[in-house]
Each structure stands twice: as structure tokens, then as C-alpha cells.
Amino acid sequence: MMNTQYLHDLLPLLCLGLVTFVLAGFVKGVIGLGLPTVAVGLLGLAMPTAQAAALLIVPSLVTNVWQLLSGPRFAALAKRLWPMLAGICVGTWAGGGWLANGGHLAGLALGIALLFYAALGLAAVRLHVPKHWPAAHVGALGGGIGVVTGLVTAATGVFVIPAVPFLQALDLERDDLVQALGLSFTVSTVALAAGLAHDGIFHGHAMGISLLALAPALGGMYFGQWVRGRVSAPVFRRCFFVGLAMLGAELVIQHLR
């Protein structure tokens, strides 16, 4: 029979995981991104960042593939964005071991990354890649952006910075942007999973728990998509970034104590 004290200690963590992935899926359903950011940020309050990143692998991969396949221009986007995607893999693997060995520094880096991302969102900073730039220049910039995104991913488990601002700066059509985000996040998730598996963090036990997190994440995402047409997207985004800033600040304070 399972020890009652063990169950007593495990129950709050299970509740946190359930609420986290429902909320993270809901945010992604409404605005098309945010699942790993919300999941790692909230779980990072209660466990090492590397462990939190391992638990998001399956929900992140499935929901991002779902988003990736939602549009008709996969081949064209992959051809245009391949330098950034390759850079993400290079950067993530170059930073291998950072999450596993970062300790408090990994949690602190996560908090700083969330604060930075929230500040960009609240300031409504919108960059633009000049349309007259040759494709080779845009590709070189994308490759560099990808490497930096991979390094941030390797340090924090979050793969939105600076890939998301760069994709927004390309002035893609709305559906193309959503599909491009799905493509970028899918590659980032696979690269992160490979790095965590190499470090011995994403193993059989973690895979099993991550698989269990898929159902609440999908449920939250489905509900978020239903809500998307019934709420003000700008208001929701502002609330999301304010909450993200508060979460980032809490993580920074927690890991500076």
C-alpha cells in the first residue's frame, strides 16, 4: 500500500501540474503561444527548471505540431525559415547541460527571460525586417536569431525569445505567422527534448508524467480556441503579459534569496 505521507506530499504537486497545463493550454488556445512559457514558469516555482522543462515536452510537441499543421504553407515556410530553425538546434545543443547543472541560476535566468518577454509584450514593441533586404541577409539574420533562441532555450527551457519578435518582424500574414510559430516551437521542443535526454533528465519516468500532462493541456487549448472568438484579444494579451511579469518577478526574488 502506498505510504499516506507520500500521497499527502504528492497531491499538491499533482494539483499544481493539472492547473498549470490547463492554464498553459488555454493561453495557447487563445493567443497561439505561451504553453511552455506558462508551464515552465509556474512549475519552476515548485521544482528545478530542468525538471519543469522535461514535463512540458509531450504537451508542447503535440500542441505545436497541431498548430503547425493548421495552415497550408508548411513547405514554403520551412524553406524560408530553415536558417533560423537550424540555428535553434545549434544553439540548444551548444548550451547542453545548462539546465541540468544550472541550479538556482537556471531559475533566475528563467525569471529574467519572463520579465524581458513580458516587457516586450506590454510595450507592444514591433520590429520590422526591411522588405528590400536580400533573402540571404534575412536568412543570415534568422540564423543568428535561431542560435540565440537556442541558447536561451538551453538556459531556461523557454523558446520564445528572440524567435517570436523576429517572426513578427517578417510581417507574415496572420495564418502564416501562426503556422511559422508552430514550426519554430516544434523544432525548439525536439531540440530541447534531445538535450534533456542527453543530460539524463528526459527519461522514462519524465516521459510518462509528460504524457499524462497532455490531456489537460489539450483540454485547455480546446477551451481557449472556443473562447478566442468571444473575448477581446488585446485585453487578454495585456493580462497575459502582466501575469507573466509577476511570475518572472517572483522567480527572480525566489532565486535571489
C-alpha atoms as a PDB file:
ATOM      1  CA  MET A   1       0.000   0.000   0.000  1.00  0.00           C
ATOM      2  CA  MET A   2       1.298   3.440  -0.910  1.00  0.00           C
ATOM      3  CA  ASN A   3       2.509   5.496   2.028  1.00  0.00           C
ATOM      4  CA  THR A   4      -0.112   8.068   3.054  1.00  0.00           C
ATOM      5  CA  GLN A   5       2.568  10.674   3.769  1.00  0.00           C
ATOM      6  CA  TYR A   6       3.881  10.199   0.220  1.00  0.00           C
ATOM      7  CA  LEU A   7       0.370  10.778  -1.149  1.00  0.00           C
ATOM      8  CA  HIS A   8      -0.017  13.815   1.080  1.00  0.00           C
ATOM      9  CA  ASP A   9       3.212  15.290  -0.290  1.00  0.00           C
ATOM     10  CA  LEU A  10       2.420  14.338  -3.897  1.00  0.00           C
ATOM     11  CA  LEU A  11      -1.132  15.707  -4.062  1.00  0.00           C
ATOM     12  CA  PRO A  12      -0.221  19.439  -4.121  1.00  0.00           C
ATOM     13  CA  LEU A  13       2.296  18.795  -6.913  1.00  0.00           C
ATOM     14  CA  LEU A  14      -0.294  16.883  -8.948  1.00  0.00           C
ATOM     15  CA  CYS A  15      -2.823  19.699  -8.468  1.00  0.00           C
ATOM     16  CA  LEU A  16      -0.235  22.274  -9.495  1.00  0.00           C
ATOM     17  CA  GLY A  17       0.579  20.249 -12.609  1.00  0.00           C
ATOM     18  CA  LEU A  18      -3.092  19.870 -13.565  1.00  0.00           C
ATOM     19  CA  VAL A  19      -3.881  23.567 -13.114  1.00  0.00           C
ATOM     20  CA  THR A  20      -0.642  24.603 -14.841  1.00  0.00           C
ATOM     21  CA  PHE A  21      -1.208  22.609 -18.017  1.00  0.00           C
ATOM     22  CA  VAL A  22      -4.898  23.502 -18.282  1.00  0.00           C
ATOM     23  CA  LEU A  23      -3.983  27.187 -17.934  1.00  0.00           C
ATOM     24  CA  ALA A  24      -0.991  26.912 -20.294  1.00  0.00           C
ATOM     25  CA  GLY A  25      -3.104  25.145 -22.926  1.00  0.00           C
ATOM     26  CA  PHE A  26      -5.853  27.742 -22.508  1.00  0.00           C
ATOM     27  CA  VAL A  27      -3.416  30.615 -23.104  1.00  0.00           C
ATOM     28  CA  LYS A  28      -2.039  28.894 -26.202  1.00  0.00           C
ATOM     29  CA  GLY A  29      -5.562  28.298 -27.478  1.00  0.00           C
ATOM     30  CA  VAL A  30      -6.431  31.982 -27.167  1.00  0.00           C
ATOM     31  CA  ILE A  31      -3.265  33.679 -28.473  1.00  0.00           C
ATOM     32  CA  GLY A  32      -1.389  30.886 -30.285  1.00  0.00           C
ATOM     33  CA  LEU A  33       1.619  30.742 -27.956  1.00  0.00           C
ATOM     34  CA  GLY A  34       2.557  30.659 -24.282  1.00  0.00           C
ATOM     35  CA  LEU A  35       2.249  26.974 -23.335  1.00  0.00           C
ATOM     36  CA  PRO A  36       5.924  26.351 -22.499  1.00  0.00           C
ATOM     37  CA  THR A  37       6.321  29.841 -21.067  1.00  0.00           C
ATOM     38  CA  VAL A  38       3.420  29.466 -18.652  1.00  0.00           C
ATOM     39  CA  ALA A  39       4.131  25.805 -17.858  1.00  0.00           C
ATOM     40  CA  VAL A  40       7.842  26.195 -17.107  1.00  0.00           C
ATOM     41  CA  GLY A  41       7.263  29.457 -15.247  1.00  0.00           C
ATOM     42  CA  LEU A  42       4.604  28.072 -12.906  1.00  0.00           C
ATOM     43  CA  LEU A  43       6.216  24.675 -12.397  1.00  0.00           C
ATOM     44  CA  GLY A  44       9.536  26.440 -11.812  1.00  0.00           C
ATOM     45  CA  LEU A  45       8.075  27.826  -8.596  1.00  0.00           C
ATOM     46  CA  ALA A  46       7.900  24.315  -7.154  1.00  0.00           C
ATOM     47  CA  MET A  47      10.670  22.293  -8.850  1.00  0.00           C
ATOM     48  CA  PRO A  48      14.012  22.717 -10.628  1.00  0.00           C
ATOM     49  CA  THR A  49      13.697  24.432 -14.018  1.00  0.00           C
ATOM     50  CA  ALA A  50      15.198  21.450 -15.842  1.00  0.00           C
ATOM     51  CA  GLN A  51      12.569  19.104 -14.370  1.00  0.00           C
ATOM     52  CA  ALA A  52       9.796  21.543 -15.275  1.00  0.00           C
ATOM     53  CA  ALA A  53      11.116  21.766 -18.854  1.00  0.00           C
ATOM     54  CA  ALA A  54      11.112  17.962 -19.152  1.00  0.00           C
ATOM     55  CA  LEU A  55       7.449  17.746 -18.149  1.00  0.00           C
ATOM     56  CA  LEU A  56       6.327  20.115 -20.909  1.00  0.00           C
ATOM     57  CA  ILE A  57       7.937  18.161 -23.780  1.00  0.00           C
ATOM     58  CA  VAL A  58       4.980  15.979 -24.809  1.00  0.00           C
ATOM     59  CA  PRO A  59       2.221  18.629 -24.432  1.00  0.00           C
ATOM     60  CA  SER A  60       4.402  21.214 -26.173  1.00  0.00           C
ATOM     61  CA  LEU A  61       5.286  18.893 -29.050  1.00  0.00           C
ATOM     62  CA  VAL A  62       1.720  17.719 -29.684  1.00  0.00           C
ATOM     63  CA  THR A  63       0.111  21.168 -29.458  1.00  0.00           C
ATOM     64  CA  ASN A  64       2.800  22.743 -31.632  1.00  0.00           C
ATOM     65  CA  VAL A  65       2.505  20.050 -34.310  1.00  0.00           C
ATOM     66  CA  TRP A  66      -1.268  20.650 -34.188  1.00  0.00           C
ATOM     67  CA  GLN A  67      -0.605  24.380 -34.725  1.00  0.00           C
ATOM     68  CA  LEU A  68       1.992  23.660 -37.418  1.00  0.00           C
ATOM     69  CA  LEU A  69      -0.423  21.523 -39.436  1.00  0.00           C
ATOM     70  CA  SER A  70      -3.215  24.106 -39.200  1.00  0.00           C
ATOM     71  CA  GLY A  71      -2.004  26.012 -42.275  1.00  0.00           C
ATOM     72  CA  PRO A  72      -1.324  25.148 -45.921  1.00  0.00           C
ATOM     73  CA  ARG A  73       2.139  26.701 -46.332  1.00  0.00           C
ATOM     74  CA  PHE A  74       4.395  24.363 -44.381  1.00  0.00           C
ATOM     75  CA  ALA A  75       6.844  23.729 -47.232  1.00  0.00           C
ATOM     76  CA  ALA A  76       7.163  27.401 -48.167  1.00  0.00           C
ATOM     77  CA  LEU A  77       7.672  28.495 -44.562  1.00  0.00           C
ATOM     78  CA  ALA A  78      10.203  25.730 -43.881  1.00  0.00           C
ATOM     79  CA  LYS A  79      12.182  26.795 -46.964  1.00  0.00           C
ATOM     80  CA  ARG A  80      12.140  30.443 -45.862  1.00  0.00           C
ATOM     81  CA  LEU A  81      12.890  29.827 -42.185  1.00  0.00           C
ATOM     82  CA  TRP A  82      15.371  26.938 -42.345  1.00  0.00           C
ATOM     83  CA  PRO A  83      18.393  29.089 -41.285  1.00  0.00           C
ATOM     84  CA  MET A  84      16.582  30.089 -38.078  1.00  0.00           C
ATOM     85  CA  LEU A  85      15.445  26.507 -37.440  1.00  0.00           C
ATOM     86  CA  ALA A  86      18.971  25.191 -37.941  1.00  0.00           C
ATOM     87  CA  GLY A  87      20.301  27.908 -35.629  1.00  0.00           C
ATOM     88  CA  ILE A  88      17.815  26.885 -32.923  1.00  0.00           C
ATOM     89  CA  CYS A  89      19.180  23.334 -32.995  1.00  0.00           C
ATOM     90  CA  VAL A  90      22.803  24.521 -32.929  1.00  0.00           C
ATOM     91  CA  GLY A  91      22.190  26.953 -30.048  1.00  0.00           C
ATOM     92  CA  THR A  92      20.168  24.487 -27.969  1.00  0.00           C
ATOM     93  CA  TRP A  93      22.757  21.740 -28.297  1.00  0.00           C
ATOM     94  CA  ALA A  94      25.660  24.166 -27.768  1.00  0.00           C
ATOM     95  CA  GLY A  95      24.101  25.067 -24.417  1.00  0.00           C
ATOM     96  CA  GLY A  96      23.651  21.424 -23.450  1.00  0.00           C
ATOM     97  CA  GLY A  97      23.888  20.861 -19.701  1.00  0.00           C
ATOM     98  CA  TRP A  98      22.997  24.418 -18.704  1.00  0.00           C
ATOM     99  CA  LEU A  99      19.544  23.469 -17.423  1.00  0.00           C
ATOM    100  CA  ALA A 100      20.762  20.269 -15.819  1.00  0.00           C
ATOM    101  CA  ASN A 101      23.653  21.925 -13.985  1.00  0.00           C
ATOM    102  CA  GLY A 102      22.364  25.469 -13.608  1.00  0.00           C
ATOM    103  CA  GLY A 103      20.678  25.038 -10.219  1.00  0.00           C
ATOM    104  CA  HIS A 104      19.435  28.383  -8.906  1.00  0.00           C
ATOM    105  CA  LEU A 105      20.994  30.162 -11.877  1.00  0.00           C
ATOM    106  CA  ALA A 106      18.620  28.352 -14.241  1.00  0.00           C
ATOM    107  CA  GLY A 107      15.613  29.542 -12.225  1.00  0.00           C
ATOM    108  CA  LEU A 108      16.997  33.068 -12.088  1.00  0.00           C
ATOM    109  CA  ALA A 109      17.615  33.054 -15.855  1.00  0.00           C
ATOM    110  CA  LEU A 110      14.034  31.855 -16.398  1.00  0.00           C
ATOM    111  CA  GLY A 111      12.658  34.706 -14.273  1.00  0.00           C
ATOM    112  CA  ILE A 112      14.722  37.288 -16.164  1.00  0.00           C
ATOM    113  CA  ALA A 113      13.624  35.831 -19.514  1.00  0.00           C
ATOM    114  CA  LEU A 114       9.947  36.020 -18.494  1.00  0.00           C
ATOM    115  CA  LEU A 115      10.350  39.622 -17.338  1.00  0.00           C
ATOM    116  CA  PHE A 116      12.046  40.572 -20.608  1.00  0.00           C
ATOM    117  CA  TYR A 117       9.385  38.874 -22.718  1.00  0.00           C
ATOM    118  CA  ALA A 118       6.581  40.485 -20.687  1.00  0.00           C
ATOM    119  CA  ALA A 119       8.211  43.918 -21.057  1.00  0.00           C
ATOM    120  CA  LEU A 120       8.355  43.489 -24.844  1.00  0.00           C
ATOM    121  CA  GLY A 121       4.711  42.426 -24.928  1.00  0.00           C
ATOM    122  CA  LEU A 122       3.432  45.237 -22.714  1.00  0.00           C
ATOM    123  CA  ALA A 123       5.446  47.842 -24.626  1.00  0.00           C
ATOM    124  CA  ALA A 124       3.918  46.499 -27.854  1.00  0.00           C
ATOM    125  CA  VAL A 125       7.366  46.597 -29.444  1.00  0.00           C
ATOM    126  CA  ARG A 126       7.008  45.624 -33.093  1.00  0.00           C
ATOM    127  CA  LEU A 127      10.137  45.334 -35.189  1.00  0.00           C
ATOM    128  CA  HIS A 128      10.208  45.136 -38.974  1.00  0.00           C
ATOM    129  CA  VAL A 129      12.690  43.438 -41.261  1.00  0.00           C
ATOM    130  CA  PRO A 130      13.115  45.772 -44.280  1.00  0.00           C
ATOM    131  CA  LYS A 131      11.288  44.327 -47.278  1.00  0.00           C
ATOM    132  CA  HIS A 132      14.109  45.348 -49.620  1.00  0.00           C
ATOM    133  CA  TRP A 133      16.654  43.152 -47.823  1.00  0.00           C
ATOM    134  CA  PRO A 134      18.007  40.284 -49.955  1.00  0.00           C
ATOM    135  CA  ALA A 135      16.871  36.826 -48.902  1.00  0.00           C
ATOM    136  CA  ALA A 136      20.477  35.961 -47.992  1.00  0.00           C
ATOM    137  CA  HIS A 137      20.607  38.804 -45.456  1.00  0.00           C
ATOM    138  CA  VAL A 138      17.283  37.805 -43.909  1.00  0.00           C
ATOM    139  CA  GLY A 139      18.490  34.203 -43.770  1.00  0.00           C
ATOM    140  CA  ALA A 140      21.738  35.197 -42.043  1.00  0.00           C
ATOM    141  CA  LEU A 141      19.805  37.283 -39.512  1.00  0.00           C
ATOM    142  CA  GLY A 142      17.410  34.372 -38.962  1.00  0.00           C
ATOM    143  CA  GLY A 143      20.319  32.013 -38.373  1.00  0.00           C
ATOM    144  CA  GLY A 144      21.737  34.299 -35.704  1.00  0.00           C
ATOM    145  CA  ILE A 145      18.296  34.726 -34.123  1.00  0.00           C
ATOM    146  CA  GLY A 146      17.936  30.956 -34.082  1.00  0.00           C
ATOM    147  CA  VAL A 147      21.272  30.425 -32.310  1.00  0.00           C
ATOM    148  CA  VAL A 148      20.376  32.984 -29.625  1.00  0.00           C
ATOM    149  CA  THR A 149      16.917  31.414 -29.228  1.00  0.00           C
ATOM    150  CA  GLY A 150      18.550  28.014 -28.817  1.00  0.00           C
ATOM    151  CA  LEU A 151      20.940  29.310 -26.165  1.00  0.00           C
ATOM    152  CA  VAL A 152      18.029  30.904 -24.259  1.00  0.00           C
ATOM    153  CA  THR A 153      16.147  27.615 -24.558  1.00  0.00           C
ATOM    154  CA  ALA A 154      19.134  25.682 -23.218  1.00  0.00           C
ATOM    155  CA  ALA A 155      19.365  28.049 -20.229  1.00  0.00           C
ATOM    156  CA  THR A 156      15.684  28.499 -19.375  1.00  0.00           C
ATOM    157  CA  GLY A 157      13.522  25.906 -21.168  1.00  0.00           C
ATOM    158  CA  VAL A 158      11.578  28.767 -22.817  1.00  0.00           C
ATOM    159  CA  PHE A 159      11.918  29.223 -26.580  1.00  0.00           C
ATOM    160  CA  VAL A 160      10.070  32.434 -27.428  1.00  0.00           C
ATOM    161  CA  ILE A 161      12.943  34.944 -27.252  1.00  0.00           C
ATOM    162  CA  PRO A 162      14.043  36.289 -29.696  1.00  0.00           C
ATOM    163  CA  ALA A 163      12.355  33.948 -32.219  1.00  0.00           C
ATOM    164  CA  VAL A 164       8.821  35.321 -31.747  1.00  0.00           C
ATOM    165  CA  PRO A 165       9.767  39.030 -32.231  1.00  0.00           C
ATOM    166  CA  PHE A 166      11.777  38.029 -35.317  1.00  0.00           C
ATOM    167  CA  LEU A 167       8.878  36.092 -36.864  1.00  0.00           C
ATOM    168  CA  GLN A 168       6.547  39.012 -36.131  1.00  0.00           C
ATOM    169  CA  ALA A 169       9.060  41.362 -37.789  1.00  0.00           C
ATOM    170  CA  LEU A 170       8.750  39.423 -41.055  1.00  0.00           C
ATOM    171  CA  ASP A 171       5.190  40.811 -41.451  1.00  0.00           C
ATOM    172  CA  LEU A 172       3.729  37.427 -42.321  1.00  0.00           C
ATOM    173  CA  GLU A 173       0.014  37.008 -42.902  1.00  0.00           C
ATOM    174  CA  ARG A 174      -1.820  36.048 -39.721  1.00  0.00           C
ATOM    175  CA  ASP A 175      -2.313  32.381 -40.659  1.00  0.00           C
ATOM    176  CA  ASP A 176       1.279  32.129 -41.899  1.00  0.00           C
ATOM    177  CA  LEU A 177       2.540  33.638 -38.629  1.00  0.00           C
ATOM    178  CA  VAL A 178       0.577  31.127 -36.557  1.00  0.00           C
ATOM    179  CA  GLN A 179       1.972  28.271 -38.662  1.00  0.00           C
ATOM    180  CA  ALA A 180       5.516  29.712 -38.519  1.00  0.00           C
ATOM    181  CA  LEU A 181       5.285  29.893 -34.717  1.00  0.00           C
ATOM    182  CA  GLY A 182       4.169  26.266 -34.653  1.00  0.00           C
ATOM    183  CA  LEU A 183       7.124  25.303 -36.843  1.00  0.00           C
ATOM    184  CA  SER A 184       9.629  27.213 -34.700  1.00  0.00           C
ATOM    185  CA  PHE A 185       8.234  25.844 -31.439  1.00  0.00           C
ATOM    186  CA  THR A 186       8.150  22.270 -32.779  1.00  0.00           C
ATOM    187  CA  VAL A 187      11.833  22.390 -33.737  1.00  0.00           C
ATOM    188  CA  SER A 188      12.696  24.014 -30.382  1.00  0.00           C
ATOM    189  CA  THR A 189      10.788  21.330 -28.464  1.00  0.00           C
ATOM    190  CA  VAL A 190      12.543  18.493 -30.309  1.00  0.00           C
ATOM    191  CA  ALA A 191      15.955  20.121 -29.789  1.00  0.00           C
ATOM    192  CA  LEU A 192      15.230  20.691 -26.093  1.00  0.00           C
ATOM    193  CA  ALA A 193      14.000  17.113 -25.658  1.00  0.00           C
ATOM    194  CA  ALA A 194      17.196  15.786 -27.255  1.00  0.00           C
ATOM    195  CA  GLY A 195      19.331  17.932 -24.963  1.00  0.00           C
ATOM    196  CA  LEU A 196      17.443  16.936 -21.821  1.00  0.00           C
ATOM    197  CA  ALA A 197      17.562  13.252 -22.821  1.00  0.00           C
ATOM    198  CA  HIS A 198      21.321  13.533 -23.315  1.00  0.00           C
ATOM    199  CA  ASP A 199      21.609  15.023 -19.811  1.00  0.00           C
ATOM    200  CA  GLY A 200      19.528  12.200 -18.333  1.00  0.00           C
ATOM    201  CA  ILE A 201      16.560  14.410 -17.393  1.00  0.00           C
ATOM    202  CA  PHE A 202      14.001  13.458 -20.047  1.00  0.00           C
ATOM    203  CA  HIS A 203      13.864   9.729 -19.324  1.00  0.00           C
ATOM    204  CA  GLY A 204      11.148   7.098 -18.987  1.00  0.00           C
ATOM    205  CA  HIS A 205       9.615   8.450 -15.764  1.00  0.00           C
ATOM    206  CA  ALA A 206       9.601  12.042 -17.004  1.00  0.00           C
ATOM    207  CA  MET A 207       8.176  10.929 -20.361  1.00  0.00           C
ATOM    208  CA  GLY A 208       5.318   9.190 -18.570  1.00  0.00           C
ATOM    209  CA  ILE A 209       4.413  12.239 -16.487  1.00  0.00           C
ATOM    210  CA  SER A 210       4.762  14.484 -19.532  1.00  0.00           C
ATOM    211  CA  LEU A 211       2.363  12.201 -21.413  1.00  0.00           C
ATOM    212  CA  LEU A 212      -0.149  12.495 -18.548  1.00  0.00           C
ATOM    213  CA  ALA A 213       0.072  16.291 -18.862  1.00  0.00           C
ATOM    214  CA  LEU A 214      -1.091  16.095 -22.487  1.00  0.00           C
ATOM    215  CA  ALA A 215      -4.799  15.652 -21.702  1.00  0.00           C
ATOM    216  CA  PRO A 216      -5.188  18.793 -19.521  1.00  0.00           C
ATOM    217  CA  ALA A 217      -3.083  20.809 -21.992  1.00  0.00           C
ATOM    218  CA  LEU A 218      -5.246  19.756 -24.943  1.00  0.00           C
ATOM    219  CA  GLY A 219      -8.410  20.385 -22.934  1.00  0.00           C
ATOM    220  CA  GLY A 220      -7.215  23.862 -22.023  1.00  0.00           C
ATOM    221  CA  MET A 221      -6.185  24.584 -25.620  1.00  0.00           C
ATOM    222  CA  TYR A 222      -9.544  23.467 -26.986  1.00  0.00           C
ATOM    223  CA  PHE A 223     -11.373  25.685 -24.474  1.00  0.00           C
ATOM    224  CA  GLY A 224      -9.037  28.581 -25.296  1.00  0.00           C
ATOM    225  CA  GLN A 225      -9.818  28.267 -29.003  1.00  0.00           C
ATOM    226  CA  TRP A 226     -13.525  28.363 -28.167  1.00  0.00           C
ATOM    227  CA  VAL A 227     -13.019  31.466 -26.024  1.00  0.00           C
ATOM    228  CA  ARG A 228     -10.780  33.208 -28.612  1.00  0.00           C
ATOM    229  CA  GLY A 229     -13.698  34.492 -30.679  1.00  0.00           C
ATOM    230  CA  ARG A 230     -15.593  35.656 -27.596  1.00  0.00           C
ATOM    231  CA  VAL A 231     -13.031  37.839 -25.799  1.00  0.00           C
ATOM    232  CA  SER A 232     -11.000  40.904 -26.677  1.00  0.00           C
ATOM    233  CA  ALA A 233      -7.641  39.554 -27.836  1.00  0.00           C
ATOM    234  CA  PRO A 234      -5.701  42.777 -26.978  1.00  0.00           C
ATOM    235  CA  VAL A 235      -7.106  42.832 -23.428  1.00  0.00           C
ATOM    236  CA  PHE A 236      -6.330  39.157 -22.935  1.00  0.00           C
ATOM    237  CA  ARG A 237      -2.761  39.638 -24.213  1.00  0.00           C
ATOM    238  CA  ARG A 238      -2.201  42.533 -21.793  1.00  0.00           C
ATOM    239  CA  CYS A 239      -3.476  40.437 -18.887  1.00  0.00           C
ATOM    240  CA  PHE A 240      -1.243  37.567 -20.029  1.00  0.00           C
ATOM    241  CA  PHE A 241       1.883  39.733 -20.111  1.00  0.00           C
ATOM    242  CA  VAL A 242       1.096  41.346 -16.751  1.00  0.00           C
ATOM    243  CA  GLY A 243       0.716  37.894 -15.225  1.00  0.00           C
ATOM    244  CA  LEU A 244       3.936  36.799 -16.913  1.00  0.00           C
ATOM    245  CA  ALA A 245       5.782  39.792 -15.455  1.00  0.00           C
ATOM    246  CA  MET A 246       4.517  38.951 -11.962  1.00  0.00           C
ATOM    247  CA  LEU A 247       5.571  35.319 -12.410  1.00  0.00           C
ATOM    248  CA  GLY A 248       9.010  36.375 -13.642  1.00  0.00           C
ATOM    249  CA  ALA A 249       9.462  38.763 -10.731  1.00  0.00           C
ATOM    250  CA  GLU A 250       8.506  36.048  -8.231  1.00  0.00           C
ATOM    251  CA  LEU A 251      11.042  33.651  -9.780  1.00  0.00           C
ATOM    252  CA  VAL A 252      13.810  36.269  -9.643  1.00  0.00           C
ATOM    253  CA  ILE A 253      13.028  37.100  -5.990  1.00  0.00           C
ATOM    254  CA  GLN A 254      12.805  33.408  -5.089  1.00  0.00           C
ATOM    255  CA  HIS A 255      16.211  32.608  -6.583  1.00  0.00           C
ATOM    256  CA  LEU A 256      17.950  35.677  -5.178  1.00  0.00           C
ATOM    257  CA  ARG A 257      17.084  34.818  -1.584  1.00  0.00           C
END
